Amino acid sequence: MANPSRLRAVALTTTAVLLSALLAGCGDSTDDGDLTAQKLDWKDCPAPSEAEGGGSAPSPLPNGTSWQCATLKAPLDWSEPQGDTIGIALIRAGTSGPASERIGSLVFNFGGPGGSGVSTLPAFGEDYAALRTRYDLVSFDPRGVGRSEPVKCESDPQLDEYFQQDATPDDSAERAQLLNRTKQFNAACEKHSQKILPHVRTTDVARDMDLMRQVLGDDKLHYFGISYGTELGGVYAHLFPQHVGRAVLDAVIDPTQTPEQGALGQARGFQLALDNFAEDCTSKASGCPIGDTPQDVKDRIAKLLNDLEQNPIPGIFPRRLTQTDATNGIAQSLYSKDFWEYLTQGLEQAYAGDGQILMLLSDSMNGRSENGEYSNIAAANIAINCADEKPRYTEHYVQRKLPEFRAASPVFGDYLAWGMVSCTDWPVPGAADHPDVSAPGSAPILVVGNTGDPATPYEGAQKMVNALGKGVAVKLTYKGQGHGAYDSKNRCVQSTVNAYLLDGKVPKAGTVCS
C-alpha cells in the first residue's frame, strides 16, 4: 500500500517475502555513450539493506549456485545521458543447463511499483528452476527502490503513525486531518529525495532495462513482468519493440485506465475476492468459524471495521489495530488463496479482541519488519505512481465519487476512493493519464490473466492485449484465485509459460487453464 488508502498492484511473490518473515518516445537503441560498454563486477550478494526489507544474505540454490550481485551505472536523467549517474542494483543466478543451450538472461520485475527484485528473486528462485535451465535469472531494484538511489520520506516511528491514521474520513475535521497528513508525507519525500523524484517514471526504468540488456550482452530483452511489472514490460515494448525477446506479462494492469478507473477496478476486484473467500469459508463441511453464510461473514467484517474506527483493539504492542490497519490486513490476505486461512484466524482473533494477526498482515503490506524498520516500498510506490500519473484529485472530487466506489465495494470503496488524493500535493508533475504500450513490430508477448485476481482484475489482460496492438500479444486465461497465475503453481499455466520461454512455443490465443 502506497499510503493508508491505496492498495498496491504488487506481485504475490513480493508480498509473500514479507508475510513469511512475519508469519517516452520511441528509440532504436539506448544512446548513452560509454555506459553500454561498462563491465559488471559480480560478487556474492550482501544481506538486503533496510530499504530492501532487511534480513540475511541469500542462501545458495539447492545445486550450490550462489546469488551474485552487481551495480549498473545508469544516467540519472535520461534526457542528459552524459550527465550524473546513479547505481541500479542487480542480482543473478547463472543458468543450470549447458552453455550451448543458454538463451540469455531472463529479467524479472515483481511489481509494486516499489518492490525490490534483489530481495524477492532469491526468496522464490526455486519456483523458476525450470526457466534457469536455459536462462540466467536476473532481477533488479528499479531506480528509487531498495539499493538503487532509494526514495526516502519519513522515519520508522513517523510511518507507524502514518499507516494507522483514519484513511476513510467521515467529516470535515477528519478530511482535513487526512489531507494535511498526506501533504506532510509528500513534503518529507521532497525534502529527503528531491534529486531522484523527477527521474523515477516507468519510462526511465524501461530505458534502464534496455541499458541492462546491452550490458548483459543480449540482443533481445527476455522478460517476466508481474503486476506493475506488466506495465513496465508494456512500456518497454512501446519504446523498444525491436528489442523485445520472449516476454511474459502476468497479473496484468489495464494500461488504458486513469488512476481513478484503476482504483475503482481494484475496489471491484478486492470485493470479488472477499466474496469468494466468504463463499469458500462457509462451504466447508467443518463449518466456518467467522459466519454462517457468505453475507453473514461480510456483515461481521463490516461491523468489525466500523467498531474499530472508534475503538481500536490491542495489536502488536504498543500499537493498536485501527480500522485502517484491519482493512489493509484483510486486503493483504486476499492476494493469495493460500493466505485465506490467515484471514480466518485473524478475524476470529479480532472478534475476541486481539488484533495481532491482522496487524501482521497489514505490516507485511506496508513493508514493516518485526523490528519496526520499514523497507522503502511505500515511499517508492507513491513516488513512481505520482511521477507517472498526471491526474490530481481534490477532496471535493473524491466526495462526489464516493457513492460509485461504495457500490463497487462496501468494504474497500471508501478506502480506495480516498487513496486518490495521495498525489494531490506531490512536488513532481505526473507524466500522463495512462501509459502508452502500443508496440507495433514487437515479438509475441504472452499476456496471462487470472479471473479471480483482486489487485489487477482479469479484464485488464484483454485491455493490455488490445493496447499492445494487432498481432503482438497472445492471451492465456487462468481460472483461479489470488494475484497472478504462474506463482499459483497451476501446472497448465506453468507448462504453457515454460514452453514459450524455453522453446518459443506460442500458445493458441484464448487458451484457458483451470
Protein backbone atom coordinates (compact mmCIF):
# COMPACT_ATOMS: atom_id res chain seq x y z
CA MET A 1 0.00 0.00 0.00
CA ALA A 2 1.47 3.32 -1.04
CA ASN A 3 -0.46 5.29 1.56
CA PRO A 4 -3.16 4.48 4.09
CA SER A 5 -5.85 4.26 1.42
CA ARG A 6 -4.32 2.87 -1.73
CA LEU A 7 -3.68 -0.77 -2.49
CA ARG A 8 -0.58 -1.62 -4.46
CA ALA A 9 -0.68 -3.82 -7.51
CA VAL A 10 2.24 -5.75 -6.11
CA ALA A 11 3.22 -9.26 -7.07
CA LEU A 12 2.27 -12.13 -4.78
CA THR A 13 5.94 -13.10 -4.56
CA THR A 14 6.85 -9.67 -3.19
CA THR A 15 4.16 -9.67 -0.51
CA ALA A 16 4.90 -13.27 0.44
CA VAL A 17 8.54 -12.43 1.17
CA LEU A 18 7.36 -10.08 3.91
CA LEU A 19 4.49 -12.25 5.08
CA SER A 20 6.66 -15.34 5.52
CA ALA A 21 9.11 -13.32 7.57
CA LEU A 22 6.35 -12.10 9.84
CA LEU A 23 4.27 -15.21 9.75
CA ALA A 24 8.59 8.40 -23.61
CA GLY A 25 9.18 8.42 -27.08
CA CYS A 26 10.43 5.56 -29.25
CA GLY A 27 14.09 4.91 -29.99
CA ASP A 28 16.08 2.33 -31.85
CA SER A 29 18.65 1.98 -29.10
CA THR A 30 19.87 3.49 -25.87
CA ASP A 31 22.06 6.45 -26.76
CA ASP A 32 24.20 6.52 -23.64
CA GLY A 33 27.79 6.63 -24.81
CA ASP A 34 30.27 4.65 -22.77
CA LEU A 35 27.67 3.21 -20.35
CA THR A 36 26.86 0.41 -22.77
CA ALA A 37 30.48 -0.73 -22.57
CA GLN A 38 30.63 -0.96 -18.78
CA LYS A 39 31.63 -4.26 -17.17
CA LEU A 40 29.62 -5.50 -14.23
CA ASP A 41 31.58 -6.53 -11.15
CA TRP A 42 29.61 -9.57 -9.95
CA LYS A 43 30.21 -10.59 -6.34
CA ASP A 44 28.45 -12.66 -3.68
CA CYS A 45 25.38 -10.77 -2.53
CA PRO A 46 25.36 -8.93 0.81
CA ALA A 47 22.41 -9.00 3.19
CA PRO A 48 19.50 -6.89 1.94
CA SER A 49 19.55 -3.28 3.06
CA GLU A 50 16.83 -1.85 5.28
CA ALA A 51 15.32 -0.22 2.20
CA GLU A 52 15.16 -3.67 0.56
CA GLY A 53 13.44 -5.17 3.61
CA GLY A 54 16.44 -6.38 5.62
CA GLY A 55 17.21 -9.98 6.52
CA SER A 56 20.09 -12.33 5.76
CA ALA A 57 22.21 -12.67 2.65
CA PRO A 58 20.55 -15.01 0.14
CA SER A 59 21.39 -18.69 0.56
CA PRO A 60 22.77 -20.65 -2.40
CA LEU A 61 20.30 -22.56 -4.55
CA PRO A 62 19.95 -26.31 -3.85
CA ASN A 63 22.54 -27.19 -6.50
CA GLY A 64 25.05 -24.87 -4.83
CA THR A 65 24.70 -21.92 -7.23
CA SER A 66 25.40 -18.68 -5.40
CA TRP A 67 23.47 -15.49 -5.92
CA GLN A 68 25.67 -12.74 -7.32
CA CYS A 69 25.10 -9.00 -7.15
CA ALA A 70 26.44 -6.07 -9.14
CA THR A 71 25.68 -2.39 -9.74
CA LEU A 72 24.80 -0.98 -13.15
CA LYS A 73 25.57 2.67 -13.82
CA ALA A 74 22.68 4.49 -15.50
CA PRO A 75 22.04 8.17 -16.24
CA LEU A 76 20.17 10.00 -13.51
CA ASP A 77 18.35 11.95 -16.23
CA TRP A 78 17.83 10.10 -19.50
CA SER A 79 17.41 13.42 -21.30
CA GLU A 80 21.05 14.12 -20.36
CA PRO A 81 22.68 10.69 -20.78
CA GLN A 82 26.20 12.10 -20.39
CA GLY A 83 25.37 13.72 -17.05
CA ASP A 84 25.25 12.38 -13.48
CA THR A 85 24.78 8.66 -12.98
CA ILE A 86 23.05 6.51 -10.38
CA GLY A 87 23.59 2.87 -9.44
CA ILE A 88 21.00 0.20 -10.28
CA ALA A 89 21.36 -2.85 -8.02
CA LEU A 90 21.25 -6.20 -9.88
CA ILE A 91 21.12 -9.84 -8.81
CA ARG A 92 21.55 -13.03 -10.83
CA ALA A 93 21.80 -16.81 -10.66
CA GLY A 94 23.58 -18.39 -13.59
CA THR A 95 21.90 -20.97 -15.79
CA SER A 96 21.89 -24.57 -14.58
CA GLY A 97 21.98 -26.05 -18.07
CA PRO A 98 24.76 -26.45 -20.61
CA ALA A 99 26.20 -23.30 -22.14
CA SER A 100 25.22 -24.50 -25.61
CA GLU A 101 21.53 -24.31 -24.66
CA ARG A 102 21.66 -20.96 -22.88
CA ILE A 103 19.28 -18.38 -24.38
CA GLY A 104 20.44 -15.38 -22.37
CA SER A 105 19.24 -13.52 -19.29
CA LEU A 106 15.62 -13.56 -18.14
CA VAL A 107 14.90 -10.27 -16.36
CA PHE A 108 12.18 -10.18 -13.69
CA ASN A 109 10.16 -7.33 -12.24
CA PHE A 110 7.87 -8.47 -9.41
CA GLY A 111 5.65 -5.42 -9.14
CA GLY A 112 4.79 -2.61 -6.81
CA PRO A 113 5.87 -0.28 -8.11
CA GLY A 114 8.48 -0.22 -5.40
CA GLY A 115 9.23 -3.90 -4.85
CA SER A 116 12.89 -4.93 -4.53
CA GLY A 117 13.78 -7.52 -7.14
CA VAL A 118 17.14 -8.06 -5.44
CA SER A 119 15.46 -9.32 -2.27
CA THR A 120 12.50 -11.04 -3.94
CA LEU A 121 14.14 -13.21 -6.62
CA PRO A 122 16.27 -15.30 -4.21
CA ALA A 123 13.26 -15.97 -1.98
CA PHE A 124 11.50 -17.63 -4.90
CA GLY A 125 14.40 -18.75 -7.05
CA GLU A 126 13.41 -22.41 -6.92
CA ASP A 127 9.98 -21.56 -8.29
CA TYR A 128 11.75 -20.66 -11.53
CA ALA A 129 14.11 -23.65 -11.59
CA ALA A 130 12.75 -24.85 -14.94
CA LEU A 131 13.46 -21.46 -16.50
CA ARG A 132 17.01 -21.47 -15.16
CA THR A 133 17.84 -24.46 -17.35
CA ARG A 134 18.22 -22.06 -20.28
CA TYR A 135 18.46 -18.58 -18.72
CA ASP A 136 20.45 -16.68 -16.18
CA LEU A 137 17.76 -15.42 -13.77
CA VAL A 138 18.21 -11.67 -13.26
CA SER A 139 16.31 -9.06 -11.28
CA PHE A 140 16.98 -5.57 -10.02
CA ASP A 141 15.91 -2.76 -7.75
CA PRO A 142 14.36 -0.16 -10.06
CA ARG A 143 15.54 3.41 -9.61
CA GLY A 144 14.09 4.84 -6.40
CA VAL A 145 13.83 1.36 -4.85
CA GLY A 146 15.96 -0.59 -2.37
CA ARG A 147 19.66 -0.01 -3.09
CA SER A 148 19.03 1.93 -6.33
CA GLU A 149 19.00 5.55 -5.11
CA PRO A 150 16.04 4.82 -2.80
CA VAL A 151 13.32 7.37 -2.23
CA LYS A 152 13.30 8.34 1.42
CA CYS A 153 10.40 10.12 3.10
CA GLU A 154 9.67 9.62 6.81
CA SER A 155 11.26 7.84 9.75
CA ASP A 156 10.04 4.48 11.03
CA PRO A 157 8.10 5.99 14.01
CA GLN A 158 6.52 8.53 11.66
CA LEU A 159 5.49 5.72 9.30
CA ASP A 160 3.91 3.81 12.18
CA GLU A 161 1.70 6.83 12.79
CA TYR A 162 1.11 7.45 9.08
CA PHE A 163 -0.17 3.94 8.41
CA GLN A 164 -2.55 3.99 11.39
CA GLN A 165 -4.33 7.22 10.55
CA ASP A 166 -8.00 7.25 9.61
CA ALA A 167 -7.99 6.58 5.86
CA THR A 168 -11.77 6.89 5.44
CA PRO A 169 -12.72 10.30 6.86
CA ASP A 170 -16.36 10.88 7.80
CA ASP A 171 -16.47 14.63 8.48
CA SER A 172 -14.67 17.84 7.63
CA ALA A 173 -12.25 17.58 10.56
CA GLU A 174 -11.21 14.03 9.62
CA ARG A 175 -10.90 15.01 5.95
CA ALA A 176 -8.64 17.93 6.86
CA GLN A 177 -6.51 15.64 9.02
CA LEU A 178 -6.06 13.10 6.20
CA LEU A 179 -5.19 15.77 3.65
CA ASN A 180 -2.76 17.51 5.97
CA ARG A 181 -1.05 14.24 6.90
CA THR A 182 -0.73 13.29 3.23
CA LYS A 183 0.74 16.70 2.46
CA GLN A 184 3.23 16.26 5.33
CA PHE A 185 4.33 12.87 3.95
CA ASN A 186 4.77 14.24 0.45
CA ALA A 187 6.76 17.21 1.73
CA ALA A 188 9.10 14.82 3.58
CA CYS A 189 9.67 12.92 0.33
CA GLU A 190 10.63 16.15 -1.41
CA LYS A 191 12.93 17.18 1.44
CA HIS A 192 14.85 13.89 1.56
CA SER A 193 14.69 12.75 -2.09
CA GLN A 194 14.43 15.84 -4.25
CA LYS A 195 17.23 14.69 -6.58
CA ILE A 196 15.64 11.40 -7.63
CA LEU A 197 11.90 12.23 -7.59
CA PRO A 198 11.70 13.66 -11.15
CA HIS A 199 13.50 10.61 -12.56
CA VAL A 200 11.56 7.55 -11.34
CA ARG A 201 8.96 7.33 -14.09
CA THR A 202 8.30 3.97 -15.68
CA THR A 203 9.78 5.24 -18.93
CA ASP A 204 13.05 5.88 -17.05
CA VAL A 205 13.06 2.32 -15.71
CA ALA A 206 12.33 0.92 -19.17
CA ARG A 207 15.38 2.75 -20.52
CA ASP A 208 17.43 1.34 -17.65
CA MET A 209 16.30 -2.12 -18.72
CA ASP A 210 17.45 -1.56 -22.27
CA LEU A 211 20.85 -0.46 -20.99
CA MET A 212 20.83 -3.57 -18.78
CA ARG A 213 20.07 -5.72 -21.81
CA GLN A 214 23.10 -4.37 -23.65
CA VAL A 215 25.47 -4.64 -20.70
CA LEU A 216 24.31 -8.23 -20.06
CA GLY A 217 25.23 -8.98 -23.66
CA ASP A 218 21.76 -9.80 -25.04
CA ASP A 219 20.44 -8.75 -28.45
CA LYS A 220 16.88 -9.07 -27.12
CA LEU A 221 15.34 -8.48 -23.70
CA HIS A 222 13.77 -11.68 -22.37
CA TYR A 223 11.41 -10.56 -19.64
CA PHE A 224 8.99 -11.81 -16.97
CA GLY A 225 6.87 -8.99 -15.54
CA ILE A 226 4.34 -9.48 -12.76
CA SER A 227 1.70 -6.97 -11.63
CA TYR A 228 3.20 -3.46 -12.08
CA GLY A 229 5.93 -5.33 -13.96
CA THR A 230 3.36 -5.84 -16.74
CA GLU A 231 3.03 -2.07 -17.15
CA LEU A 232 6.81 -1.77 -17.19
CA GLY A 233 7.02 -4.52 -19.79
CA GLY A 234 4.39 -2.83 -21.94
CA VAL A 235 6.19 0.50 -21.76
CA TYR A 236 9.48 -1.20 -22.67
CA ALA A 237 7.82 -2.83 -25.68
CA HIS A 238 6.49 0.56 -26.76
CA LEU A 239 9.88 2.24 -26.51
CA PHE A 240 11.97 -0.64 -27.89
CA PRO A 241 9.69 -3.01 -29.86
CA GLN A 242 12.57 -4.32 -31.95
CA HIS A 243 14.44 -5.39 -28.80
CA VAL A 244 11.63 -7.49 -27.28
CA GLY A 245 12.59 -11.14 -26.99
CA ARG A 246 10.41 -13.68 -25.21
CA ALA A 247 8.24 -11.73 -22.78
CA VAL A 248 5.57 -12.78 -20.30
CA LEU A 249 3.18 -10.38 -18.54
CA ASP A 250 1.36 -11.98 -15.58
CA ALA A 251 -1.25 -10.29 -13.32
CA VAL A 252 -1.87 -7.63 -15.89
CA ILE A 253 -2.51 -3.95 -15.23
CA ASP A 254 -5.05 -2.32 -17.54
CA PRO A 255 -2.89 0.25 -19.37
CA THR A 256 -5.90 2.21 -20.65
CA GLN A 257 -7.18 3.27 -17.23
CA THR A 258 -6.77 6.55 -15.42
CA PRO A 259 -5.80 6.31 -11.73
CA GLU A 260 -9.46 6.78 -10.81
CA GLN A 261 -10.56 3.94 -13.08
CA GLY A 262 -7.78 1.76 -11.72
CA ALA A 263 -8.83 2.42 -8.13
CA LEU A 264 -12.46 1.65 -8.96
CA GLY A 265 -11.37 -1.56 -10.68
CA GLN A 266 -9.42 -2.56 -7.60
CA ALA A 267 -12.49 -1.90 -5.43
CA ARG A 268 -14.44 -4.36 -7.55
CA GLY A 269 -11.53 -6.81 -7.65
CA PHE A 270 -10.95 -6.92 -3.90
CA GLN A 271 -14.69 -7.15 -3.25
CA LEU A 272 -14.88 -10.12 -5.64
CA ALA A 273 -12.00 -11.79 -3.79
CA LEU A 274 -13.70 -11.15 -0.45
CA ASP A 275 -16.95 -12.61 -1.81
CA ASN A 276 -15.04 -15.70 -2.97
CA PHE A 277 -13.34 -16.01 0.42
CA ALA A 278 -16.70 -15.86 2.23
CA GLU A 279 -18.21 -18.44 -0.14
CA ASP A 280 -15.24 -20.76 0.39
CA CYS A 281 -15.27 -20.48 4.17
CA THR A 282 -18.99 -21.21 4.53
CA SER A 283 -18.89 -24.11 2.06
CA LYS A 284 -16.55 -26.21 4.21
CA ALA A 285 -18.01 -29.32 5.79
CA SER A 286 -16.27 -28.45 9.06
CA GLY A 287 -18.11 -25.14 9.19
CA CYS A 288 -16.94 -21.53 9.02
CA PRO A 289 -15.91 -20.03 12.38
CA ILE A 290 -16.50 -16.44 11.25
CA GLY A 291 -20.04 -16.63 9.86
CA ASP A 292 -22.93 -18.92 8.95
CA THR A 293 -23.48 -17.63 5.42
CA PRO A 294 -21.35 -15.61 2.96
CA GLN A 295 -23.38 -12.50 3.73
CA ASP A 296 -23.01 -13.11 7.46
CA VAL A 297 -19.22 -13.28 7.05
CA LYS A 298 -19.20 -9.96 5.19
CA ASP A 299 -21.63 -8.30 7.62
CA ARG A 300 -19.43 -9.26 10.57
CA ILE A 301 -16.35 -7.89 8.80
CA ALA A 302 -18.18 -4.61 8.12
CA LYS A 303 -19.22 -4.39 11.78
CA LEU A 304 -15.65 -5.07 12.93
CA LEU A 305 -14.29 -2.28 10.73
CA ASN A 306 -16.98 0.11 11.91
CA ASP A 307 -16.27 -0.69 15.58
CA LEU A 308 -12.51 -0.29 15.11
CA GLU A 309 -12.93 3.27 13.88
CA GLN A 310 -13.98 4.34 17.37
CA ASN A 311 -12.41 1.60 19.47
CA PRO A 312 -9.10 0.13 18.22
CA ILE A 313 -8.10 -3.15 19.86
CA PRO A 314 -4.66 -4.35 21.00
CA GLY A 315 -2.46 -5.29 18.07
CA ILE A 316 1.31 -5.72 18.28
CA PHE A 317 2.39 -3.89 21.41
CA PRO A 318 2.42 -0.94 21.78
CA ARG A 319 0.37 -0.39 18.61
CA ARG A 320 -3.38 -0.92 18.47
CA LEU A 321 -5.29 -2.30 15.49
CA THR A 322 -7.16 0.55 13.81
CA GLN A 323 -9.80 0.41 11.13
CA THR A 324 -7.11 1.27 8.56
CA ASP A 325 -4.79 -1.50 9.79
CA ALA A 326 -7.59 -4.05 9.66
CA THR A 327 -8.74 -3.05 6.17
CA ASN A 328 -5.16 -3.21 4.94
CA GLY A 329 -4.61 -6.61 6.57
CA ILE A 330 -7.80 -8.02 5.05
CA ALA A 331 -6.72 -6.81 1.62
CA GLN A 332 -3.27 -8.33 2.06
CA SER A 333 -4.78 -11.74 2.81
CA LEU A 334 -6.78 -11.65 -0.44
CA TYR A 335 -3.65 -11.64 -2.60
CA SER A 336 -3.49 -15.44 -2.45
CA LYS A 337 -5.88 -18.24 -1.61
CA ASP A 338 -3.01 -19.63 0.48
CA PHE A 339 -3.46 -16.61 2.78
CA TRP A 340 -7.19 -17.16 3.36
CA GLU A 341 -6.53 -19.32 6.41
CA TYR A 342 -4.63 -16.41 7.97
CA LEU A 343 -7.60 -14.14 7.32
CA THR A 344 -9.96 -16.59 9.01
CA GLN A 345 -7.65 -16.86 12.01
CA GLY A 346 -7.11 -13.09 12.09
CA LEU A 347 -10.83 -12.36 12.07
CA GLU A 348 -11.53 -14.96 14.77
CA GLN A 349 -8.82 -13.37 16.87
CA ALA A 350 -10.06 -9.82 16.24
CA TYR A 351 -13.63 -10.71 17.20
CA ALA A 352 -12.15 -11.87 20.51
CA GLY A 353 -10.39 -8.53 20.98
CA ASP A 354 -6.90 -9.44 19.71
CA GLY A 355 -5.62 -7.77 16.53
CA GLN A 356 -2.17 -9.35 16.20
CA ILE A 357 -2.70 -11.42 13.05
CA LEU A 358 -4.47 -8.68 11.12
CA MET A 359 -1.72 -6.27 12.13
CA LEU A 360 0.96 -8.71 10.94
CA LEU A 361 -0.82 -8.90 7.59
CA SER A 362 -1.01 -5.11 7.42
CA ASP A 363 2.67 -4.78 8.33
CA SER A 364 3.50 -7.18 5.51
CA MET A 365 1.64 -5.00 3.01
CA ASN A 366 3.41 -1.88 4.27
CA GLY A 367 6.94 -3.34 4.29
CA ARG A 368 7.36 -3.27 8.09
CA SER A 369 9.69 -5.85 9.61
CA GLU A 370 9.40 -7.38 13.07
CA ASN A 371 12.00 -4.96 14.44
CA GLY A 372 9.93 -1.95 13.38
CA GLU A 373 12.03 -1.00 10.36
CA TYR A 374 10.31 -0.24 7.06
CA SER A 375 11.55 -1.01 3.59
CA ASN A 376 11.12 1.87 1.18
CA ILE A 377 8.38 0.13 -0.82
CA ALA A 378 5.69 2.60 0.29
CA ALA A 379 7.82 5.67 -0.43
CA ALA A 380 8.95 4.32 -3.80
CA ASN A 381 5.42 3.26 -4.68
CA ILE A 382 3.92 6.68 -4.22
CA ALA A 383 6.90 8.39 -5.89
CA ILE A 384 6.66 6.25 -9.02
CA ASN A 385 2.87 6.39 -9.21
CA CYS A 386 2.77 10.16 -8.77
CA ALA A 387 5.55 10.70 -11.32
CA ASP A 388 3.68 8.53 -13.83
CA GLU A 389 0.10 9.69 -13.24
CA LYS A 390 -0.99 13.11 -14.45
CA PRO A 391 -4.40 13.46 -12.69
CA ARG A 392 -4.52 15.22 -9.33
CA TYR A 393 -7.76 14.61 -7.45
CA THR A 394 -9.28 17.01 -4.93
CA GLU A 395 -11.18 16.38 -1.72
CA HIS A 396 -14.44 17.54 -3.30
CA TYR A 397 -13.95 15.33 -6.35
CA VAL A 398 -13.46 12.28 -4.17
CA GLN A 399 -16.58 13.11 -2.15
CA ARG A 400 -18.62 13.18 -5.36
CA LYS A 401 -17.25 9.78 -6.36
CA LEU A 402 -17.82 8.01 -3.03
CA PRO A 403 -21.25 6.54 -3.95
CA GLU A 404 -19.77 4.86 -7.03
CA PHE A 405 -16.89 3.40 -5.03
CA ARG A 406 -19.20 2.22 -2.25
CA ALA A 407 -21.39 0.48 -4.79
CA ALA A 408 -18.30 -1.29 -6.13
CA SER A 409 -17.22 -2.40 -2.65
CA PRO A 410 -18.89 -1.78 0.72
CA VAL A 411 -15.63 -2.82 2.43
CA PHE A 412 -12.90 -1.26 0.27
CA GLY A 413 -14.74 1.52 -1.59
CA ASP A 414 -14.13 4.46 0.74
CA TYR A 415 -10.60 3.27 1.38
CA LEU A 416 -9.65 3.24 -2.31
CA ALA A 417 -11.55 6.40 -3.18
CA TRP A 418 -9.68 8.47 -0.61
CA GLY A 419 -6.43 6.98 -1.85
CA MET A 420 -6.84 9.15 -4.94
CA VAL A 421 -5.68 12.23 -3.00
CA SER A 422 -2.23 10.75 -2.43
CA CYS A 423 -0.66 12.64 -5.34
CA THR A 424 -2.57 15.91 -4.89
CA ASP A 425 0.35 17.77 -3.28
CA TRP A 426 3.15 15.79 -4.93
CA PRO A 427 6.12 18.03 -5.86
CA VAL A 428 6.66 16.46 -9.32
CA PRO A 429 4.07 16.64 -12.12
CA GLY A 430 2.69 13.39 -13.47
CA ALA A 431 3.56 12.28 -16.98
CA ALA A 432 0.27 11.07 -18.49
CA ASP A 433 -3.28 9.88 -17.87
CA HIS A 434 -2.15 6.33 -18.60
CA PRO A 435 0.92 4.62 -20.10
CA ASP A 436 1.44 4.10 -23.82
CA VAL A 437 2.15 0.44 -24.53
CA SER A 438 1.49 0.26 -28.27
CA ALA A 439 4.27 -1.88 -29.70
CA PRO A 440 3.93 -2.49 -33.46
CA GLY A 441 6.68 -4.76 -34.70
CA SER A 442 7.32 -6.41 -31.33
CA ALA A 443 7.91 -10.14 -30.99
CA PRO A 444 4.99 -12.10 -29.47
CA ILE A 445 4.19 -11.21 -25.86
CA LEU A 446 2.36 -13.73 -23.66
CA VAL A 447 -0.28 -11.99 -21.50
CA VAL A 448 -1.63 -14.03 -18.56
CA GLY A 449 -4.83 -13.04 -16.75
CA ASN A 450 -6.35 -14.59 -13.61
CA THR A 451 -10.17 -14.47 -13.37
CA GLY A 452 -10.07 -14.11 -9.56
CA ASP A 453 -7.28 -11.53 -9.31
CA PRO A 454 -8.15 -8.80 -6.76
CA ALA A 455 -5.36 -6.30 -7.43
CA THR A 456 -5.19 -6.47 -11.23
CA PRO A 457 -8.67 -7.55 -12.33
CA TYR A 458 -8.90 -10.06 -15.17
CA GLU A 459 -10.38 -7.57 -17.64
CA GLY A 460 -7.03 -5.77 -17.74
CA ALA A 461 -5.43 -8.66 -19.60
CA GLN A 462 -7.58 -8.18 -22.70
CA LYS A 463 -7.11 -4.40 -22.46
CA MET A 464 -3.33 -4.96 -22.50
CA VAL A 465 -3.64 -7.30 -25.49
CA ASN A 466 -5.61 -4.68 -27.40
CA ALA A 467 -3.31 -1.81 -26.42
CA LEU A 468 -0.13 -3.64 -27.44
CA GLY A 469 -1.56 -3.80 -30.93
CA LYS A 470 -2.73 -6.26 -33.52
CA GLY A 471 -0.57 -9.34 -33.87
CA VAL A 472 1.62 -8.63 -30.83
CA ALA A 473 0.06 -10.25 -27.75
CA VAL A 474 -1.44 -13.68 -27.06
CA LYS A 475 -3.72 -14.08 -24.01
CA LEU A 476 -3.67 -17.03 -21.62
CA THR A 477 -6.50 -17.24 -19.06
CA TYR A 478 -6.21 -18.86 -15.63
CA LYS A 479 -9.49 -19.57 -13.84
CA GLY A 480 -8.20 -19.24 -10.31
CA GLN A 481 -7.90 -17.11 -7.20
CA GLY A 482 -5.25 -14.69 -5.99
CA HIS A 483 -2.88 -12.22 -7.58
CA GLY A 484 -1.12 -13.64 -10.61
CA ALA A 485 -1.13 -17.06 -12.24
CA TYR A 486 2.36 -18.56 -12.63
CA ASP A 487 3.08 -18.50 -8.90
CA SER A 488 -0.19 -20.30 -8.20
CA LYS A 489 1.78 -23.38 -9.32
CA ASN A 490 -1.03 -24.38 -11.66
CA ARG A 491 0.53 -26.99 -13.94
CA CYS A 492 -1.25 -25.83 -17.07
CA VAL A 493 -0.16 -22.23 -16.60
CA GLN A 494 3.43 -23.14 -15.76
CA SER A 495 3.83 -25.62 -18.61
CA THR A 496 2.40 -23.13 -21.12
CA VAL A 497 4.61 -20.27 -19.93
CA ASN A 498 7.68 -22.53 -19.73
CA ALA A 499 7.12 -23.86 -23.25
CA TYR A 500 7.03 -20.29 -24.56
CA LEU A 501 10.05 -19.01 -22.65
CA LEU A 502 12.20 -22.12 -23.09
CA ASP A 503 11.21 -23.29 -26.57
CA GLY A 504 9.48 -20.32 -28.17
CA LYS A 505 6.15 -22.18 -28.44
CA VAL A 506 3.44 -19.52 -28.59
CA PRO A 507 0.15 -20.92 -27.26
CA LYS A 508 -3.07 -20.65 -29.20
CA ALA A 509 -4.82 -17.36 -28.48
CA GLY A 510 -7.59 -17.83 -25.92
CA THR A 511 -6.04 -20.83 -24.19
CA VAL A 512 -7.67 -21.41 -20.77
CA CYS A 513 -6.18 -23.11 -17.72
CA SER A 514 -8.23 -24.04 -14.66
